[in-house]
Protein backbone atom coordinates (compact mmCIF):
# COMPACT_ATOMS: atom_id res chain seq x y z
CA MET A 1 2.71 14.94 15.88
CA GLU A 2 -0.03 13.91 13.88
CA LEU A 3 -1.03 17.78 12.65
CA LYS A 4 2.39 18.71 12.52
CA ARG A 5 3.16 15.82 9.83
CA ARG A 6 0.01 16.57 8.04
CA ARG A 7 0.76 20.27 7.62
CA PHE A 8 4.13 19.66 6.41
CA LEU A 9 2.76 17.34 3.69
CA GLN A 10 0.18 20.07 2.87
CA GLY A 11 3.05 22.27 2.68
CA MET A 12 4.84 20.04 0.23
CA LEU A 13 1.98 19.45 -2.11
CA ALA A 14 1.45 23.37 -2.28
CA GLY A 15 4.95 23.93 -3.15
CA GLY A 16 5.08 21.01 -5.74
CA GLY A 17 1.80 22.44 -7.49
CA ALA A 18 3.82 25.12 -8.80
CA LEU A 19 5.85 22.97 -11.03
CA VAL A 20 3.10 21.13 -12.65
CA GLY A 21 2.52 23.77 -15.47
CA GLY A 22 5.84 23.87 -16.65
CA GLY A 23 7.61 21.21 -18.63
CA LEU A 24 8.92 19.42 -15.51
CA PHE A 25 6.24 16.46 -15.76
CA SER A 26 7.61 15.51 -19.23
CA THR A 27 11.07 15.51 -18.01
CA MET A 28 10.01 13.12 -14.82
CA ALA A 29 7.78 10.76 -17.30
CA ALA A 30 11.09 10.08 -19.02
CA ALA A 31 13.02 9.12 -15.84
CA LEU A 32 10.39 6.79 -14.58
CA ASP A 33 11.09 3.26 -14.83
CA VAL A 34 7.80 2.00 -16.19
CA SER A 35 7.48 -1.73 -17.60
CA PRO A 36 4.81 -1.61 -20.61
CA VAL A 37 1.21 -1.19 -19.80
CA SER A 38 -1.79 -2.59 -21.72
CA VAL A 39 -5.30 -1.22 -21.39
CA SER A 40 -6.37 -4.55 -19.77
CA VAL A 41 -3.83 -3.99 -16.66
CA ARG A 42 -6.03 -3.22 -13.58
CA GLN A 43 -3.08 -3.68 -10.85
CA LEU A 44 0.25 -2.07 -10.83
CA TRP A 45 3.01 -2.45 -8.57
CA LEU A 46 4.74 0.41 -7.11
CA LYS A 47 8.69 -0.93 -6.70
CA ASN A 48 10.22 1.45 -4.36
CA GLY A 49 13.41 -0.20 -2.75
CA ALA A 50 11.92 -0.84 0.70
CA PRO A 51 13.22 -3.43 3.00
CA LEU A 52 11.96 -6.73 2.59
CA GLU A 53 10.80 -5.69 -1.00
CA ALA A 54 12.47 -8.71 -3.00
CA ALA A 55 10.31 -11.07 -0.74
CA PHE A 56 6.96 -9.00 -1.11
CA ALA A 57 7.71 -9.04 -4.94
CA ARG A 58 8.28 -13.06 -5.08
CA GLY A 59 4.87 -13.23 -3.46
CA LEU A 60 3.38 -10.73 -6.27
CA LEU A 61 5.06 -12.92 -8.86
CA MET A 62 3.40 -16.19 -7.53
CA ALA A 63 0.03 -14.84 -7.72
CA ASN A 64 0.71 -13.14 -11.37
CA PRO A 65 2.73 -15.90 -12.97
CA GLU A 66 2.32 -13.88 -16.75
CA GLY A 67 4.27 -11.10 -15.47
CA LEU A 68 4.01 -7.93 -13.16
CA THR A 69 3.35 -4.05 -14.26
CA ARG A 70 6.08 -2.66 -12.58
CA LEU A 71 6.67 1.31 -11.72
CA SER A 72 10.06 1.82 -10.32
CA LEU A 73 11.01 4.81 -8.35
CA SER A 74 14.18 5.86 -6.69
CA ARG A 75 14.19 6.88 -3.23
CA THR A 76 14.52 10.53 -4.27
CA GLU A 77 11.64 10.35 -6.77
CA LEU A 78 9.42 8.44 -3.92
CA TYR A 79 9.57 11.56 -1.77
CA CYS A 80 9.06 14.17 -4.71
CA PRO A 81 5.26 15.08 -4.45
CA THR A 82 5.61 16.06 -8.40
CA HIS A 83 6.90 12.71 -9.67
CA LEU A 84 3.93 10.82 -7.52
CA GLN A 85 1.13 13.51 -8.72
CA HIS A 86 2.46 12.63 -12.45
CA LEU A 87 2.13 8.52 -11.65
CA LEU A 88 -1.27 9.03 -10.30
CA ALA A 89 -2.56 11.10 -13.04
CA THR A 90 -1.07 8.52 -15.61
CA TYR A 91 -2.21 5.59 -14.36
CA HIS A 92 -5.72 6.89 -13.33
CA GLY A 93 -8.63 4.42 -12.43
CA GLN A 94 -6.17 1.72 -11.92
CA GLN A 95 -5.09 -0.41 -8.80
CA LEU A 96 -1.58 0.38 -7.21
CA VAL A 97 -0.17 -1.99 -4.69
CA GLY A 98 2.90 -2.23 -2.94
CA MET A 99 4.88 -1.84 0.33
CA MET A 100 6.74 1.01 1.77
CA GLU A 101 8.15 2.97 4.65
CA GLN A 102 5.81 5.06 6.82
CA GLY A 103 6.98 8.24 5.70
CA ALA A 104 6.76 7.46 1.95
CA PHE A 105 3.29 5.99 2.68
CA GLU A 106 2.29 9.48 4.55
CA LEU A 107 3.06 11.24 1.59
CA LEU A 108 1.48 9.11 -1.11
CA HIS A 109 -1.70 8.46 0.77
CA GLU A 110 -2.41 12.35 1.11
CA LEU A 111 -1.66 12.50 -2.63
CA VAL A 112 -4.05 9.59 -3.23
CA ARG A 113 -6.56 11.39 -1.07
CA SER A 114 -6.32 14.84 -2.75
CA SER A 115 -6.47 13.35 -5.98
CA GLY A 116 -9.66 11.57 -5.65
CA GLY A 117 -8.09 8.17 -5.10
CA ARG A 118 -9.75 5.46 -2.70
CA VAL A 119 -8.34 3.11 -0.40
CA LEU A 120 -9.02 -0.55 -0.94
CA TYR A 121 -6.51 -2.00 1.52
CA THR A 122 -3.64 -1.32 3.94
CA GLY A 123 -1.57 -3.46 6.44
CA GLN A 124 0.72 -2.23 9.03
CA HIS A 125 3.74 -4.73 9.64
CA SER A 126 6.24 -4.17 12.43
CA TRP A 127 8.71 -6.62 13.71
CA GLY A 128 11.22 -6.79 16.35
CA GLY A 129 15.14 -7.46 16.06
CA GLY A 130 15.34 -10.16 17.86
CA SER A 131 14.85 -14.01 16.55
CA GLU A 132 12.34 -15.05 19.07
CA ASP A 133 10.03 -11.59 18.14
CA ARG A 134 6.91 -12.37 16.22
CA PRO A 135 5.66 -9.88 13.49
CA ARG A 136 2.98 -7.77 14.28
CA HIS A 137 0.04 -6.75 11.59
CA GLU A 138 -3.13 -4.70 11.72
CA ILE A 139 -5.04 -4.83 8.76
CA VAL A 140 -7.87 -2.55 7.36
CA THR A 141 -9.96 -3.50 4.48
CA THR A 142 -12.91 -2.49 2.53
CA SER A 143 -16.22 -4.43 1.77
CA GLN A 144 -14.23 -4.89 -1.71
CA THR A 145 -11.17 -6.31 0.00
CA GLN A 146 -12.90 -8.44 2.64
CA GLY A 147 -11.45 -11.82 1.11
CA LEU A 148 -8.14 -10.48 1.26
CA GLY A 149 -8.00 -9.38 4.91
CA ASN A 150 -9.69 -12.80 5.78
CA MET A 151 -6.87 -14.53 3.97
CA LEU A 152 -4.18 -12.58 5.66
CA TYR A 153 -5.79 -12.76 9.01
CA ARG A 154 -5.89 -16.77 8.92
CA ASN A 155 -2.44 -17.13 7.89
CA PHE A 156 -0.59 -14.78 9.76
CA ARG A 157 -2.59 -16.46 12.51
CA ASP A 158 -1.68 -19.87 11.51
CA ARG A 159 2.10 -19.04 11.78
CA GLY A 160 1.67 -17.82 15.20
CA GLU A 161 1.80 -14.16 14.31
CA HIS A 162 -0.29 -11.25 16.04
CA VAL A 163 -2.98 -9.88 13.83
CA VAL A 164 -5.72 -7.20 14.01
CA LEU A 165 -8.20 -6.96 11.27
CA ASN A 166 -10.37 -4.21 11.10
CA ARG A 167 -12.89 -2.92 8.17
CA LEU A 168 -13.25 0.67 6.86
CA GLN A 169 -16.84 2.28 6.84
CA THR A 170 -18.00 4.51 4.37
CA GLU A 171 -18.07 7.38 6.90
CA GLY A 172 -14.16 6.41 7.94
CA SER A 173 -14.89 4.48 10.88
CA LYS A 174 -13.47 1.15 11.50
CA THR A 175 -15.25 -2.21 12.76
CA SER A 176 -14.00 -5.34 13.72
CA PRO A 177 -15.65 -8.04 11.34
CA PRO A 178 -16.52 -11.48 12.25
CA ASP A 179 -13.73 -14.24 12.32
CA ILE A 180 -14.28 -15.71 9.01
CA PRO A 181 -11.30 -18.00 7.86
CA GLY A 182 -9.61 -17.51 4.70
CA PRO A 183 -7.97 -19.91 2.43
CA SER A 184 -4.56 -21.56 3.81
CA MET A 185 -1.45 -20.62 1.92
CA HIS A 186 2.02 -21.78 2.54
CA HIS A 187 4.77 -19.16 1.94
CA GLY A 188 8.17 -18.78 3.12
CA SER A 189 7.85 -15.04 4.83
CA TRP A 190 5.23 -12.72 5.74
CA PRO A 191 6.19 -10.05 3.03
CA GLU A 192 5.70 -13.13 0.70
CA LEU A 193 2.36 -13.68 1.99
CA VAL A 194 1.31 -10.13 1.49
CA GLY A 195 2.34 -10.22 -1.87
CA VAL A 196 0.36 -13.15 -2.87
CA ALA A 197 -2.79 -11.97 -1.03
CA LEU A 198 -2.54 -8.45 -3.04
CA GLY A 199 -1.70 -10.52 -6.26
CA HIS A 200 -4.67 -12.65 -5.79
CA GLY A 201 -7.10 -10.26 -3.76
CA ARG A 202 -7.88 -7.72 -6.36
CA ALA A 203 -10.99 -5.72 -5.05
CA SER A 204 -14.46 -6.85 -6.01
CA THR A 205 -16.74 -4.78 -8.57
CA GLY A 206 -18.30 -2.03 -6.39
CA ARG A 207 -17.60 1.26 -5.38
CA PRO A 208 -14.48 1.65 -2.93
CA TYR A 209 -14.87 4.09 -0.05
CA PRO A 210 -13.34 7.39 -0.46
CA VAL A 211 -9.91 7.98 1.38
CA GLU A 212 -11.42 10.18 4.15
CA LYS A 213 -9.26 9.42 7.23
CA LYS A 214 -6.18 7.40 7.45
CA PRO A 215 -7.06 3.92 7.23
CA HIS A 216 -3.83 2.33 9.10
CA MET A 217 -3.34 2.22 13.04
CA GLN A 218 -0.75 4.85 14.81
CA SER A 219 0.39 1.89 17.13
CA VAL A 220 3.02 1.35 14.20
CA THR A 221 5.15 4.52 15.51
CA ASN A 222 5.66 2.44 18.63
CA ALA A 223 7.19 -0.65 17.08
CA THR A 224 9.87 -2.51 18.34
CA PRO A 225 13.60 -1.72 16.44
CA GLY A 226 13.28 -4.49 13.91
CA GLY A 227 11.42 -2.10 11.63
CA SER A 228 7.89 -1.31 10.15
CA LEU A 229 6.37 -1.22 6.75
CA VAL A 230 2.93 -0.36 5.18
CA SER A 231 1.46 -2.33 2.65
CA PHE A 232 -1.67 -0.93 0.43
CA MET A 233 -3.82 -1.17 -2.37
CA PHE A 234 -5.05 1.95 -3.83
CA GLU A 235 -7.35 2.82 -6.88
CA VAL A 236 -5.77 5.93 -8.20
């Protein structure tokens, strides 16, 4: 299944590459809903209409009371490789954060990887349909986002939710870091908490690890009926 998905994504990218040489990029740029960006901005929010995104955005706003730099894509644009390629090229060197469904994340991840971008953090979040079901979180960080991971790990556990924290190594393998508590934060929902953590947890200086392997866990495909989302922080 993983190999078939990979080949499908690579085929989409190969087909989309033929469009780059024409005038389509300028047309797409005009269609993107992009809030003003200053040269000092380092973190951009990819707004994509995912479930629970409103709560995630509230958390980002709490961490960025001066306002957010928003890049809005429709669902059609989100699954169009040429749109995403243009976005990555336009904001090269900046941090892109967001939360999206698995399929869209797979495509974005493949594009970031092929364009030389770097993964800083990913989180897989799944939840059941029953009122008693506890969300499950699988967090992967690098050395640059260790503090962000510690923050989420502590607060998810404080909420009584299941959480696994791993750190991506330079060669692409994962290890479980020591249980180092992060600061306690009190927010209304787990998507809000993720937004606050990503907004506050901008990567420290240093060279992030290349996107060599998929950093998230695969168990999300077996998630309970409620749903699943992937949160992320890339340097594009």
